[in-house]
Amino acid sequence: QVQLVESGGGLVQAGGSLRLSCAASGRTFSGFAMGWFRQATGKGREFVGAIHGNSLSTSYADSVKGRFTISRDNAKNMVYLQMSSLKPEDTAVYYCAQSLSSAYVAGTSVGYRYWGQGTQVTVSS
């Protein structure tokens, strides 16, 4: 059974930074694409970004491009989301997810089989 556990969320002022972490266990981590998604209260789940299973590429939503960076450490079974220049509209529960393949379909949740429980990020104005 795959387990994904996010951490690092919290309350931050607009313009600030946070780094989210996602720890994976229970399945080979290396080689499978990982994604970050978010869901604000009353809204649907939104793609934030993704990283190839072997870090060959990344993709980001236009709303976070240039502000957020995804990275992974396959030796530690970890994926990270570095968020900077945070805005109130970034407030949401953030989820990491693991795909069934090394590649991702940019901008979508297609192919993601395993999901974490989420971590809350709140950005105050």
PDB file of N, CA and C in Angstrom:
ATOM      1  N   GLN A   1       0.839  -1.183   0.000  1.00  0.00           N
ATOM      2  CA  GLN A   1       0.000   0.000   0.000  1.00  0.00           C
ATOM      3  C   GLN A   1       0.887   1.250   0.000  1.00  0.00           C
ATOM      4  N   VAL A   2       0.654   2.123  -0.948  1.00  0.00           N
ATOM      5  CA  VAL A   2       1.426   3.353  -1.038  1.00  0.00           C
ATOM      6  C   VAL A   2       0.878   4.367  -0.044  1.00  0.00           C
ATOM      7  N   GLN A   3       1.776   4.999   0.634  1.00  0.00           N
ATOM      8  CA  GLN A   3       1.399   6.103   1.518  1.00  0.00           C
ATOM      9  C   GLN A   3       2.158   7.355   1.130  1.00  0.00           C
ATOM     10  N   LEU A   4       1.428   8.447   1.024  1.00  0.00           N
ATOM     11  CA  LEU A   4       2.013   9.751   0.752  1.00  0.00           C
ATOM     12  C   LEU A   4       1.614  10.673   1.891  1.00  0.00           C
ATOM     13  N   VAL A   5       2.580  11.318   2.487  1.00  0.00           N
ATOM     14  CA  VAL A   5       2.314  12.183   3.631  1.00  0.00           C
ATOM     15  C   VAL A   5       2.926  13.550   3.361  1.00  0.00           C
ATOM     16  N   GLU A   6       2.047  14.553   3.261  1.00  0.00           N
ATOM     17  CA  GLU A   6       2.502  15.921   3.053  1.00  0.00           C
ATOM     18  C   GLU A   6       2.776  16.600   4.391  1.00  0.00           C
ATOM     19  N   SER A   7       3.686  17.544   4.361  1.00  0.00           N
ATOM     20  CA  SER A   7       3.975  18.358   5.536  1.00  0.00           C
ATOM     21  C   SER A   7       4.504  19.704   5.075  1.00  0.00           C
ATOM     22  N   GLY A   8       4.569  20.630   6.014  1.00  0.00           N
ATOM     23  CA  GLY A   8       5.158  21.922   5.718  1.00  0.00           C
ATOM     24  C   GLY A   8       4.168  23.043   5.499  1.00  0.00           C
ATOM     25  N   GLY A   9       2.890  22.719   5.533  1.00  0.00           N
ATOM     26  CA  GLY A   9       1.895  23.767   5.367  1.00  0.00           C
ATOM     27  C   GLY A   9       1.827  24.669   6.584  1.00  0.00           C
ATOM     28  N   GLY A  10       1.084  25.757   6.448  1.00  0.00           N
ATOM     29  CA  GLY A  10       0.928  26.676   7.569  1.00  0.00           C
ATOM     30  C   GLY A  10       0.388  28.000   7.120  1.00  0.00           C
ATOM     31  N   LEU A  11       0.517  28.967   8.007  1.00  0.00           N
ATOM     32  CA  LEU A  11       0.053  30.325   7.761  1.00  0.00           C
ATOM     33  C   LEU A  11       1.250  31.204   7.438  1.00  0.00           C
ATOM     34  N   VAL A  12       1.136  31.950   6.357  1.00  0.00           N
ATOM     35  CA  VAL A  12       2.224  32.824   5.930  1.00  0.00           C
ATOM     36  C   VAL A  12       1.626  34.102   5.367  1.00  0.00           C
ATOM     37  N   GLN A  13       2.367  35.175   5.492  1.00  0.00           N
ATOM     38  CA  GLN A  13       1.906  36.441   4.929  1.00  0.00           C
ATOM     39  C   GLN A  13       2.168  36.484   3.428  1.00  0.00           C
ATOM     40  N   ALA A  14       1.361  37.264   2.770  1.00  0.00           N
ATOM     41  CA  ALA A  14       1.555  37.445   1.330  1.00  0.00           C
ATOM     42  C   ALA A  14       2.984  37.907   1.060  1.00  0.00           C
ATOM     43  N   GLY A  15       3.559  37.316   0.028  1.00  0.00           N
ATOM     44  CA  GLY A  15       4.944  37.605  -0.306  1.00  0.00           C
ATOM     45  C   GLY A  15       5.941  36.660   0.329  1.00  0.00           C
ATOM     46  N   GLY A  16       5.470  35.863   1.247  1.00  0.00           N
ATOM     47  CA  GLY A  16       6.340  34.937   1.942  1.00  0.00           C
ATOM     48  C   GLY A  16       6.552  33.647   1.193  1.00  0.00           C
ATOM     49  N   SER A  17       7.247  32.724   1.850  1.00  0.00           N
ATOM     50  CA  SER A  17       7.599  31.446   1.232  1.00  0.00           C
ATOM     51  C   SER A  17       7.289  30.300   2.165  1.00  0.00           C
ATOM     52  N   LEU A  18       7.049  29.148   1.546  1.00  0.00           N
ATOM     53  CA  LEU A  18       6.884  27.898   2.273  1.00  0.00           C
ATOM     54  C   LEU A  18       7.450  26.789   1.412  1.00  0.00           C
ATOM     55  N   ARG A  19       7.910  25.736   2.067  1.00  0.00           N
ATOM     56  CA  ARG A  19       8.312  24.544   1.329  1.00  0.00           C
ATOM     57  C   ARG A  19       7.490  23.371   1.827  1.00  0.00           C
ATOM     58  N   LEU A  20       6.751  22.789   0.928  1.00  0.00           N
ATOM     59  CA  LEU A  20       5.990  21.592   1.250  1.00  0.00           C
ATOM     60  C   LEU A  20       6.824  20.360   0.919  1.00  0.00           C
ATOM     61  N   SER A  21       6.650  19.350   1.747  1.00  0.00           N
ATOM     62  CA  SER A  21       7.324  18.078   1.523  1.00  0.00           C
ATOM     63  C   SER A  21       6.288  16.969   1.408  1.00  0.00           C
ATOM     64  N   CYS A  22       6.644  15.961   0.675  1.00  0.00           N
ATOM     65  CA  CYS A  22       5.776  14.788   0.530  1.00  0.00           C
ATOM     66  C   CYS A  22       6.665  13.556   0.658  1.00  0.00           C
ATOM     67  N   ALA A  23       6.395  12.770   1.672  1.00  0.00           N
ATOM     68  CA  ALA A  23       7.159  11.548   1.914  1.00  0.00           C
ATOM     69  C   ALA A  23       6.383  10.354   1.394  1.00  0.00           C
ATOM     70  N   ALA A  24       7.039   9.534   0.594  1.00  0.00           N
ATOM     71  CA  ALA A  24       6.392   8.370  -0.006  1.00  0.00           C
ATOM     72  C   ALA A  24       6.937   7.088   0.591  1.00  0.00           C
ATOM     73  N   SER A  25       6.058   6.124   0.750  1.00  0.00           N
ATOM     74  CA  SER A  25       6.475   4.808   1.240  1.00  0.00           C
ATOM     75  C   SER A  25       5.568   3.742   0.666  1.00  0.00           C
ATOM     76  N   GLY A  26       6.037   2.509   0.713  1.00  0.00           N
ATOM     77  CA  GLY A  26       5.214   1.381   0.335  1.00  0.00           C
ATOM     78  C   GLY A  26       5.324   0.938  -1.102  1.00  0.00           C
ATOM     79  N   ARG A  27       6.076   1.657  -1.906  1.00  0.00           N
ATOM     80  CA  ARG A  27       6.177   1.314  -3.325  1.00  0.00           C
ATOM     81  C   ARG A  27       7.431   1.982  -3.862  1.00  0.00           C
ATOM     82  N   THR A  28       7.960   1.416  -4.930  1.00  0.00           N
ATOM     83  CA  THR A  28       9.103   2.066  -5.564  1.00  0.00           C
ATOM     84  C   THR A  28       8.735   3.504  -5.918  1.00  0.00           C
ATOM     85  N   PHE A  29       9.556   4.423  -5.487  1.00  0.00           N
ATOM     86  CA  PHE A  29       9.282   5.846  -5.705  1.00  0.00           C
ATOM     87  C   PHE A  29       9.951   6.345  -6.974  1.00  0.00           C
ATOM     88  N   SER A  30      11.206   5.943  -7.104  1.00  0.00           N
ATOM     89  CA  SER A  30      11.973   6.395  -8.258  1.00  0.00           C
ATOM     90  C   SER A  30      11.324   5.929  -9.549  1.00  0.00           C
ATOM     91  N   GLY A  31      11.254   6.805 -10.504  1.00  0.00           N
ATOM     92  CA  GLY A  31      10.741   6.439 -11.810  1.00  0.00           C
ATOM     93  C   GLY A  31       9.287   6.739 -12.035  1.00  0.00           C
ATOM     94  N   PHE A  32       8.568   7.127 -11.010  1.00  0.00           N
ATOM     95  CA  PHE A  32       7.160   7.463 -11.166  1.00  0.00           C
ATOM     96  C   PHE A  32       6.968   8.970 -11.020  1.00  0.00           C
ATOM     97  N   ALA A  33       6.219   9.538 -11.936  1.00  0.00           N
ATOM     98  CA  ALA A  33       5.954  10.968 -11.880  1.00  0.00           C
ATOM     99  C   ALA A  33       5.186  11.322 -10.607  1.00  0.00           C
ATOM    100  N   MET A  34       5.473  12.511 -10.108  1.00  0.00           N
ATOM    101  CA  MET A  34       4.785  13.024  -8.929  1.00  0.00           C
ATOM    102  C   MET A  34       4.138  14.362  -9.274  1.00  0.00           C
ATOM    103  N   GLY A  35       3.000  14.599  -8.690  1.00  0.00           N
ATOM    104  CA  GLY A  35       2.306  15.853  -8.940  1.00  0.00           C
ATOM    105  C   GLY A  35       1.892  16.518  -7.653  1.00  0.00           C
ATOM    106  N   TRP A  36       1.708  17.824  -7.750  1.00  0.00           N
ATOM    107  CA  TRP A  36       1.129  18.613  -6.664  1.00  0.00           C
ATOM    108  C   TRP A  36      -0.174  19.224  -7.170  1.00  0.00           C
ATOM    109  N   PHE A  37      -1.167  19.157  -6.332  1.00  0.00           N
ATOM    110  CA  PHE A  37      -2.480  19.708  -6.644  1.00  0.00           C
ATOM    111  C   PHE A  37      -2.954  20.507  -5.441  1.00  0.00           C
ATOM    112  N   ARG A  38      -3.954  21.331  -5.646  1.00  0.00           N
ATOM    113  CA  ARG A  38      -4.502  22.084  -4.532  1.00  0.00           C
ATOM    114  C   ARG A  38      -6.005  22.234  -4.707  1.00  0.00           C
ATOM    115  N   GLN A  39      -6.651  22.437  -3.587  1.00  0.00           N
ATOM    116  CA  GLN A  39      -8.090  22.641  -3.605  1.00  0.00           C
ATOM    117  C   GLN A  39      -8.450  23.703  -2.578  1.00  0.00           C
ATOM    118  N   ALA A  40      -8.959  24.807  -3.068  1.00  0.00           N
ATOM    119  CA  ALA A  40      -9.427  25.872  -2.193  1.00  0.00           C
ATOM    120  C   ALA A  40     -10.860  25.574  -1.769  1.00  0.00           C
ATOM    121  N   THR A  41     -11.249  26.155  -0.677  1.00  0.00           N
ATOM    122  CA  THR A  41     -12.601  25.945  -0.159  1.00  0.00           C
ATOM    123  C   THR A  41     -13.637  26.343  -1.200  1.00  0.00           C
ATOM    124  N   GLY A  42     -14.531  25.414  -1.484  1.00  0.00           N
ATOM    125  CA  GLY A  42     -15.599  25.691  -2.419  1.00  0.00           C
ATOM    126  C   GLY A  42     -15.215  25.593  -3.882  1.00  0.00           C
ATOM    127  N   LYS A  43     -13.994  25.157  -4.148  1.00  0.00           N
ATOM    128  CA  LYS A  43     -13.530  25.047  -5.535  1.00  0.00           C
ATOM    129  C   LYS A  43     -13.070  23.624  -5.826  1.00  0.00           C
ATOM    130  N   GLY A  44     -12.896  23.350  -7.096  1.00  0.00           N
ATOM    131  CA  GLY A  44     -12.435  22.037  -7.500  1.00  0.00           C
ATOM    132  C   GLY A  44     -10.927  21.893  -7.346  1.00  0.00           C
ATOM    133  N   ARG A  45     -10.465  20.684  -7.481  1.00  0.00           N
ATOM    134  CA  ARG A  45      -9.037  20.423  -7.392  1.00  0.00           C
ATOM    135  C   ARG A  45      -8.324  21.015  -8.600  1.00  0.00           C
ATOM    136  N   GLU A  46      -7.185  21.601  -8.343  1.00  0.00           N
ATOM    137  CA  GLU A  46      -6.440  22.318  -9.378  1.00  0.00           C
ATOM    138  C   GLU A  46      -5.019  21.772  -9.482  1.00  0.00           C
ATOM    139  N   PHE A  47      -4.571  21.555 -10.694  1.00  0.00           N
ATOM    140  CA  PHE A  47      -3.190  21.150 -10.936  1.00  0.00           C
ATOM    141  C   PHE A  47      -2.260  22.293 -10.572  1.00  0.00           C
ATOM    142  N   VAL A  48      -1.198  21.972  -9.841  1.00  0.00           N
ATOM    143  CA  VAL A  48      -0.176  22.959  -9.494  1.00  0.00           C
ATOM    144  C   VAL A  48       1.093  22.708 -10.301  1.00  0.00           C
ATOM    145  N   GLY A  49       1.559  21.484 -10.274  1.00  0.00           N
ATOM    146  CA  GLY A  49       2.771  21.157 -11.004  1.00  0.00           C
ATOM    147  C   GLY A  49       3.068  19.680 -10.945  1.00  0.00           C
ATOM    148  N   ALA A  50       4.029  19.266 -11.750  1.00  0.00           N
ATOM    149  CA  ALA A  50       4.399  17.854 -11.807  1.00  0.00           C
ATOM    150  C   ALA A  50       5.871  17.730 -12.154  1.00  0.00           C
ATOM    151  N   ILE A  51       6.426  16.584 -11.794  1.00  0.00           N
ATOM    152  CA  ILE A  51       7.818  16.307 -12.095  1.00  0.00           C
ATOM    153  C   ILE A  51       7.934  14.889 -12.617  1.00  0.00           C
ATOM    154  N   HIS A  52       8.727  14.724 -13.641  1.00  0.00           N
ATOM    155  CA  HIS A  52       8.950  13.426 -14.257  1.00  0.00           C
ATOM    156  C   HIS A  52       9.573  12.461 -13.248  1.00  0.00           C
ATOM    157  N   GLY A  53       9.347  11.176 -13.481  1.00  0.00           N
ATOM    158  CA  GLY A  53       9.839  10.154 -12.564  1.00  0.00           C
ATOM    159  C   GLY A  53      11.334  10.193 -12.333  1.00  0.00           C
ATOM    160  N   ASN A  54      12.073  10.651 -13.318  1.00  0.00           N
ATOM    161  CA  ASN A  54      13.530  10.752 -13.182  1.00  0.00           C
ATOM    162  C   ASN A  54      14.004  12.193 -13.315  1.00  0.00           C
ATOM    163  N   SER A  55      13.097  13.112 -12.960  1.00  0.00           N
ATOM    164  CA  SER A  55      13.410  14.547 -12.940  1.00  0.00           C
ATOM    165  C   SER A  55      13.832  15.083 -14.305  1.00  0.00           C
ATOM    166  N   LEU A  56      13.359  14.440 -15.353  1.00  0.00           N
ATOM    167  CA  LEU A  56      13.742  14.894 -16.699  1.00  0.00           C
ATOM    168  C   LEU A  56      13.035  16.187 -17.082  1.00  0.00           C
ATOM    169  N   SER A  57      11.893  16.435 -16.457  1.00  0.00           N
ATOM    170  CA  SER A  57      11.139  17.643 -16.785  1.00  0.00           C
ATOM    171  C   SER A  57      10.185  17.973 -15.660  1.00  0.00           C
ATOM    172  N   THR A  58       9.728  19.216 -15.689  1.00  0.00           N
ATOM    173  CA  THR A  58       8.688  19.679 -14.771  1.00  0.00           C
ATOM    174  C   THR A  58       7.663  20.483 -15.556  1.00  0.00           C
ATOM    175  N   SER A  59       6.515  20.618 -14.963  1.00  0.00           N
ATOM    176  CA  SER A  59       5.454  21.405 -15.570  1.00  0.00           C
ATOM    177  C   SER A  59       4.719  22.130 -14.462  1.00  0.00           C
ATOM    178  N   TYR A  60       4.244  23.339 -14.778  1.00  0.00           N
ATOM    179  CA  TYR A  60       3.575  24.152 -13.767  1.00  0.00           C
ATOM    180  C   TYR A  60       2.317  24.786 -14.341  1.00  0.00           C
ATOM    181  N   ALA A  61       1.372  25.007 -13.461  1.00  0.00           N
ATOM    182  CA  ALA A  61       0.211  25.797 -13.842  1.00  0.00           C
ATOM    183  C   ALA A  61       0.663  27.235 -14.084  1.00  0.00           C
ATOM    184  N   ASP A  62      -0.010  27.902 -14.992  1.00  0.00           N
ATOM    185  CA  ASP A  62       0.354  29.288 -15.295  1.00  0.00           C
ATOM    186  C   ASP A  62       0.277  30.166 -14.048  1.00  0.00           C
ATOM    187  N   SER A  63      -0.646  29.842 -13.168  1.00  0.00           N
ATOM    188  CA  SER A  63      -0.856  30.677 -11.982  1.00  0.00           C
ATOM    189  C   SER A  63       0.309  30.629 -11.001  1.00  0.00           C
ATOM    190  N   VAL A  64       1.158  29.612 -11.106  1.00  0.00           N
ATOM    191  CA  VAL A  64       2.267  29.485 -10.157  1.00  0.00           C
ATOM    192  C   VAL A  64       3.631  29.521 -10.844  1.00  0.00           C
ATOM    193  N   LYS A  65       3.624  29.548 -12.150  1.00  0.00           N
ATOM    194  CA  LYS A  65       4.883  29.514 -12.894  1.00  0.00           C
ATOM    195  C   LYS A  65       5.772  30.686 -12.502  1.00  0.00           C
ATOM    196  N   GLY A  66       7.018  30.394 -12.224  1.00  0.00           N
ATOM    197  CA  GLY A  66       7.959  31.431 -11.821  1.00  0.00           C
ATOM    198  C   GLY A  66       7.982  31.681 -10.329  1.00  0.00           C
ATOM    199  N   ARG A  67       7.005  31.132  -9.615  1.00  0.00           N
ATOM    200  CA  ARG A  67       6.950  31.318  -8.159  1.00  0.00           C
ATOM    201  C   ARG A  67       7.143  29.994  -7.416  1.00  0.00           C
ATOM    202  N   PHE A  68       6.699  28.903  -8.016  1.00  0.00           N
ATOM    203  CA  PHE A  68       6.781  27.593  -7.373  1.00  0.00           C
ATOM    204  C   PHE A  68       7.794  26.721  -8.109  1.00  0.00           C
ATOM    205  N   THR A  69       8.462  25.859  -7.354  1.00  0.00           N
ATOM    206  CA  THR A  69       9.435  24.937  -7.931  1.00  0.00           C
ATOM    207  C   THR A  69       9.258  23.555  -7.318  1.00  0.00           C
ATOM    208  N   ILE A  70       9.155  22.567  -8.182  1.00  0.00           N
ATOM    209  CA  ILE A  70       9.057  21.178  -7.731  1.00  0.00           C
ATOM    210  C   ILE A  70      10.412  20.503  -7.880  1.00  0.00           C
ATOM    211  N   SER A  71      10.756  19.721  -6.884  1.00  0.00           N
ATOM    212  CA  SER A  71      11.975  18.923  -6.955  1.00  0.00           C
ATOM    213  C   SER A  71      11.723  17.592  -6.257  1.00  0.00           C
ATOM    214  N   ARG A  72      12.617  16.664  -6.461  1.00  0.00           N
ATOM    215  CA  ARG A  72      12.471  15.361  -5.817  1.00  0.00           C
ATOM    216  C   ARG A  72      13.834  14.804  -5.472  1.00  0.00           C
ATOM    217  N   ASP A  73      13.829  13.967  -4.459  1.00  0.00           N
ATOM    218  CA  ASP A  73      15.032  13.256  -4.042  1.00  0.00           C
ATOM    219  C   ASP A  73      14.664  11.779  -4.021  1.00  0.00           C
ATOM    220  N   ASN A  74      14.998  11.086  -5.082  1.00  0.00           N
ATOM    221  CA  ASN A  74      14.594   9.685  -5.195  1.00  0.00           C
ATOM    222  C   ASN A  74      15.267   8.807  -4.146  1.00  0.00           C
ATOM    223  N   ALA A  75      16.430   9.199  -3.696  1.00  0.00           N
ATOM    224  CA  ALA A  75      17.130   8.415  -2.667  1.00  0.00           C
ATOM    225  C   ALA A  75      16.388   8.477  -1.328  1.00  0.00           C
ATOM    226  N   LYS A  76      15.669   9.569  -1.119  1.00  0.00           N
ATOM    227  CA  LYS A  76      14.944   9.752   0.141  1.00  0.00           C
ATOM    228  C   LYS A  76      13.452   9.541  -0.002  1.00  0.00           C
ATOM    229  N   ASN A  77      13.001   9.214  -1.206  1.00  0.00           N
ATOM    230  CA  ASN A  77      11.567   9.045  -1.468  1.00  0.00           C
ATOM    231  C   ASN A  77      10.784  10.297  -1.101  1.00  0.00           C
ATOM    232  N   MET A  78      11.307  11.440  -1.509  1.00  0.00           N
ATOM    233  CA  MET A  78      10.698  12.716  -1.154  1.00  0.00           C
ATOM    234  C   MET A  78      10.466  13.557  -2.410  1.00  0.00           C
ATOM    235  N   VAL A  79       9.395  14.313  -2.377  1.00  0.00           N
ATOM    236  CA  VAL A  79       9.160  15.326  -3.393  1.00  0.00           C
ATOM    237  C   VAL A  79       8.812  16.619  -2.661  1.00  0.00           C
ATOM    238  N   TYR A  80       9.233  17.726  -3.236  1.00  0.00           N
ATOM    239  CA  TYR A  80       9.092  19.020  -2.575  1.00  0.00           C
ATOM    240  C   TYR A  80       8.381  20.016  -3.490  1.00  0.00           C
ATOM    241  N   LEU A  81       7.746  20.966  -2.850  1.00  0.00           N
ATOM    242  CA  LEU A  81       7.161  22.086  -3.559  1.00  0.00           C
ATOM    243  C   LEU A  81       7.606  23.359  -2.849  1.00  0.00           C
ATOM    244  N   GLN A  82       8.552  24.055  -3.458  1.00  0.00           N
ATOM    245  CA  GLN A  82       9.022  25.324  -2.920  1.00  0.00           C
ATOM    246  C   GLN A  82       8.133  26.428  -3.455  1.00  0.00           C
ATOM    247  N   MET A  83       7.505  27.146  -2.550  1.00  0.00           N
ATOM    248  CA  MET A  83       6.574  28.198  -2.938  1.00  0.00           C
ATOM    249  C   MET A  83       7.099  29.535  -2.452  1.00  0.00           C
ATOM    250  N   SER A  84       7.176  30.485  -3.340  1.00  0.00           N
ATOM    251  CA  SER A  84       7.628  31.821  -2.985  1.00  0.00           C
ATOM    252  C   SER A  84       6.680  32.850  -3.559  1.00  0.00           C
ATOM    253  N   SER A  85       6.842  34.077  -3.113  1.00  0.00           N
ATOM    254  CA  SER A  85       5.963  35.177  -3.528  1.00  0.00           C
ATOM    255  C   SER A  85       4.495  34.753  -3.402  1.00  0.00           C
ATOM    256  N   LEU A  86       4.179  34.189  -2.281  1.00  0.00           N
ATOM    257  CA  LEU A  86       2.837  33.649  -2.086  1.00  0.00           C
ATOM    258  C   LEU A  86       1.777  34.747  -2.084  1.00  0.00           C
ATOM    259  N   LYS A  87       0.619  34.386  -2.599  1.00  0.00           N
ATOM    260  CA  LYS A  87      -0.509  35.304  -2.713  1.00  0.00           C
ATOM    261  C   LYS A  87      -1.697  34.726  -1.957  1.00  0.00           C
ATOM    262  N   PRO A  88      -2.620  35.564  -1.516  1.00  0.00           N
ATOM    263  CA  PRO A  88      -3.808  35.046  -0.832  1.00  0.00           C
ATOM    264  C   PRO A  88      -4.543  33.996  -1.660  1.00  0.00           C
ATOM    265  N   GLU A  89      -4.527  34.142  -2.973  1.00  0.00           N
ATOM    266  CA  GLU A  89      -5.222  33.171  -3.831  1.00  0.00           C
ATOM    267  C   GLU A  89      -4.516  31.814  -3.887  1.00  0.00           C
ATOM    268  N   ASP A  90      -3.345  31.701  -3.287  1.00  0.00           N
ATOM    269  CA  ASP A  90      -2.678  30.404  -3.166  1.00  0.00           C
ATOM    270  C   ASP A  90      -3.211  29.597  -1.982  1.00  0.00           C
ATOM    271  N   THR A  91      -4.055  30.209  -1.186  1.00  0.00           N
ATOM    272  CA  THR A  91      -4.623  29.518  -0.030  1.00  0.00           C
ATOM    273  C   THR A  91      -5.437  28.311  -0.475  1.00  0.00           C
ATOM    274  N   ALA A  92      -5.089  27.158   0.058  1.00  0.00           N
ATOM    275  CA  ALA A  92      -5.747  25.912  -0.330  1.00  0.00           C
ATOM    276  C   ALA A  92      -5.151  24.761   0.478  1.00  0.00           C
ATOM    277  N   VAL A  93      -5.783  23.616   0.342  1.00  0.00           N
ATOM    278  CA  VAL A  93      -5.173  22.374   0.804  1.00  0.00           C
ATOM    279  C   VAL A  93      -4.348  21.826  -0.359  1.00  0.00           C
ATOM    280  N   TYR A  94      -3.106  21.519  -0.082  1.00  0.00           N
ATOM    281  CA  TYR A  94      -2.193  21.042  -1.111  1.00  0.00           C
ATOM    282  C   TYR A  94      -1.982  19.535  -0.959  1.00  0.00           C
ATOM    283  N   TYR A  95      -2.063  18.853  -2.088  1.00  0.00           N
ATOM    284  CA  TYR A  95      -1.933  17.400  -2.115  1.00  0.00           C
ATOM    285  C   TYR A  95      -0.799  16.984  -3.040  1.00  0.00           C
ATOM    286  N   CYS A  96      -0.073  15.963  -2.635  1.00  0.00           N
ATOM    287  CA  CYS A  96       0.848  15.344  -3.574  1.00  0.00           C
ATOM    288  C   CYS A  96       0.215  14.038  -4.058  1.00  0.00           C
ATOM    289  N   ALA A  97       0.646  13.622  -5.224  1.00  0.00           N
ATOM    290  CA  ALA A  97       0.096  12.413  -5.825  1.00  0.00           C
ATOM    291  C   ALA A  97       1.182  11.706  -6.627  1.00  0.00           C
ATOM    292  N   GLN A  98       1.062  10.398  -6.700  1.00  0.00           N
ATOM    293  CA  GLN A  98       2.019   9.604  -7.447  1.00  0.00           C
ATOM    294  C   GLN A  98       1.342   8.973  -8.658  1.00  0.00           C
ATOM    295  N   SER A  99       2.005   9.110  -9.785  1.00  0.00           N
ATOM    296  CA  SER A  99       1.462   8.567 -11.024  1.00  0.00           C
ATOM    297  C   SER A  99       1.813   7.091 -11.183  1.00  0.00           C
ATOM    298  N   LEU A 100       1.133   6.457 -12.122  1.00  0.00           N
ATOM    299  CA  LEU A 100       1.437   5.065 -12.451  1.00  0.00           C
ATOM    300  C   LEU A 100       2.535   4.962 -13.498  1.00  0.00           C
ATOM    301  N   SER A 101       2.982   6.087 -14.006  1.00  0.00           N
ATOM    302  CA  SER A 101       4.024   6.067 -15.014  1.00  0.00           C
ATOM    303  C   SER A 101       5.072   7.121 -14.717  1.00  0.00           C
ATOM    304  N   SER A 102       6.125   7.085 -15.486  1.00  0.00           N
ATOM    305  CA  SER A 102       7.208   8.060 -15.287  1.00  0.00           C
ATOM    306  C   SER A 102       6.845   9.431 -15.837  1.00  0.00           C
ATOM    307  N   ALA A 103       5.962   9.443 -16.808  1.00  0.00           N
ATOM    308  CA  ALA A 103       5.591  10.709 -17.439  1.00  0.00           C
ATOM    309  C   ALA A 103       4.309  11.240 -16.828  1.00  0.00           C
ATOM    310  N   TYR A 104       4.076  12.494 -17.025  1.00  0.00           N
ATOM    311  CA  TYR A 104       2.852  13.121 -16.550  1.00  0.00           C
ATOM    312  C   TYR A 104       2.141  13.744 -17.741  1.00  0.00           C
ATOM    313  N   VAL A 105       0.855  13.945 -17.551  1.00  0.00           N
ATOM    314  CA  VAL A 105       0.068  14.703 -18.521  1.00  0.00           C
ATOM    315  C   VAL A 105      -0.083  16.092 -17.931  1.00  0.00           C
ATOM    316  N   ALA A 106       0.609  17.048 -18.512  1.00  0.00           N
ATOM    317  CA  ALA A 106       0.657  18.388 -17.938  1.00  0.00           C
ATOM    318  C   ALA A 106      -0.742  18.969 -17.755  1.00  0.00           C
ATOM    319  N   GLY A 107      -0.939  19.537 -16.595  1.00  0.00           N
ATOM    320  CA  GLY A 107      -2.179  20.251 -16.361  1.00  0.00           C
ATOM    321  C   GLY A 107      -3.359  19.420 -15.922  1.00  0.00           C
ATOM    322  N   THR A 108      -3.146  18.133 -15.753  1.00  0.00           N
ATOM    323  CA  THR A 108      -4.267  17.265 -15.396  1.00  0.00           C
ATOM    324  C   THR A 108      -3.884  16.314 -14.273  1.00  0.00           C
ATOM    325  N   SER A 109      -4.902  15.624 -13.775  1.00  0.00           N
ATOM    326  CA  SER A 109      -4.661  14.587 -12.772  1.00  0.00           C
ATOM    327  C   SER A 109      -4.689  13.195 -13.392  1.00  0.00           C
ATOM    328  N   VAL A 110      -4.626  13.138 -14.704  1.00  0.00           N
ATOM    329  CA  VAL A 110      -4.652  11.857 -15.403  1.00  0.00           C
ATOM    330  C   VAL A 110      -3.442  11.014 -15.001  1.00  0.00           C
ATOM    331  N   GLY A 111      -3.697   9.790 -14.629  1.00  0.00           N
ATOM    332  CA  GLY A 111      -2.620   8.857 -14.340  1.00  0.00           C
ATOM    333  C   GLY A 111      -2.182   8.785 -12.897  1.00  0.00           C
ATOM    334  N   TYR A 112      -2.687   9.684 -12.070  1.00  0.00           N
ATOM    335  CA  TYR A 112      -2.277   9.666 -10.665  1.00  0.00           C
ATOM    336  C   TYR A 112      -3.156   8.688  -9.900  1.00  0.00           C
ATOM    337  N   ARG A 113      -2.500   7.742  -9.268  1.00  0.00           N
ATOM    338  CA  ARG A 113      -3.226   6.686  -8.596  1.00  0.00           C
ATOM    339  C   ARG A 113      -3.239   6.858  -7.081  1.00  0.00           C
ATOM    340  N   TYR A 114      -2.188   7.411  -6.534  1.00  0.00           N
ATOM    341  CA  TYR A 114      -2.060   7.498  -5.080  1.00  0.00           C
ATOM    342  C   TYR A 114      -2.004   8.962  -4.658  1.00  0.00           C
ATOM    343  N   TRP A 115      -2.711   9.264  -3.566  1.00  0.00           N
ATOM    344  CA  TRP A 115      -2.846  10.648  -3.105  1.00  0.00           C
ATOM    345  C   TRP A 115      -2.559  10.740  -1.608  1.00  0.00           C
ATOM    346  N   GLY A 116      -1.980  11.855  -1.215  1.00  0.00           N
ATOM    347  CA  GLY A 116      -1.799  12.118   0.199  1.00  0.00           C
ATOM    348  C   GLY A 116      -3.048  12.712   0.821  1.00  0.00           C
ATOM    349  N   GLN A 117      -2.966  12.991   2.103  1.00  0.00           N
ATOM    350  CA  GLN A 117      -4.132  13.503   2.831  1.00  0.00           C
ATOM    351  C   GLN A 117      -4.230  15.025   2.765  1.00  0.00           C
ATOM    352  N   GLY A 118      -3.179  15.675   2.325  1.00  0.00           N
ATOM    353  CA  GLY A 118      -3.198  17.112   2.141  1.00  0.00           C
ATOM    354  C   GLY A 118      -2.622  17.882   3.314  1.00  0.00           C
ATOM    355  N   THR A 119      -2.145  19.088   3.013  1.00  0.00           N
ATOM    356  CA  THR A 119      -1.658  19.995   4.043  1.00  0.00           C
ATOM    357  C   THR A 119      -2.174  21.390   3.718  1.00  0.00           C
ATOM    358  N   GLN A 120      -2.634  22.081   4.735  1.00  0.00           N
ATOM    359  CA  GLN A 120      -3.266  23.388   4.535  1.00  0.00           C
ATOM    360  C   GLN A 120      -2.213  24.483   4.411  1.00  0.00           C
ATOM    361  N   VAL A 121      -2.389  25.300   3.406  1.00  0.00           N
ATOM    362  CA  VAL A 121      -1.577  26.510   3.237  1.00  0.00           C
ATOM    363  C   VAL A 121      -2.523  27.694   3.255  1.00  0.00           C
ATOM    364  N   THR A 122      -2.257  28.626   4.137  1.00  0.00           N
ATOM    365  CA  THR A 122      -3.074  29.828   4.243  1.00  0.00           C
ATOM    366  C   THR A 122      -2.174  31.042   4.090  1.00  0.00           C
ATOM    367  N   VAL A 123      -2.516  31.880   3.138  1.00  0.00           N
ATOM    368  CA  VAL A 123      -1.735  33.086   2.873  1.00  0.00           C
ATOM    369  C   VAL A 123      -2.584  34.292   3.238  1.00  0.00           C
ATOM    370  N   SER A 124      -2.108  35.050   4.189  1.00  0.00           N
ATOM    371  CA  SER A 124      -2.855  36.231   4.645  1.00  0.00           C
ATOM    372  C   SER A 124      -2.396  37.467   3.884  1.00  0.00           C
ATOM    373  N   SER A 125      -3.356  38.369   3.696  1.00  0.00           N
ATOM    374  CA  SER A 125      -3.035  39.597   2.941  1.00  0.00           C
ATOM    375  C   SER A 125      -2.541  40.702   3.855  1.00  0.00           C
TER     376      SER A 125
END
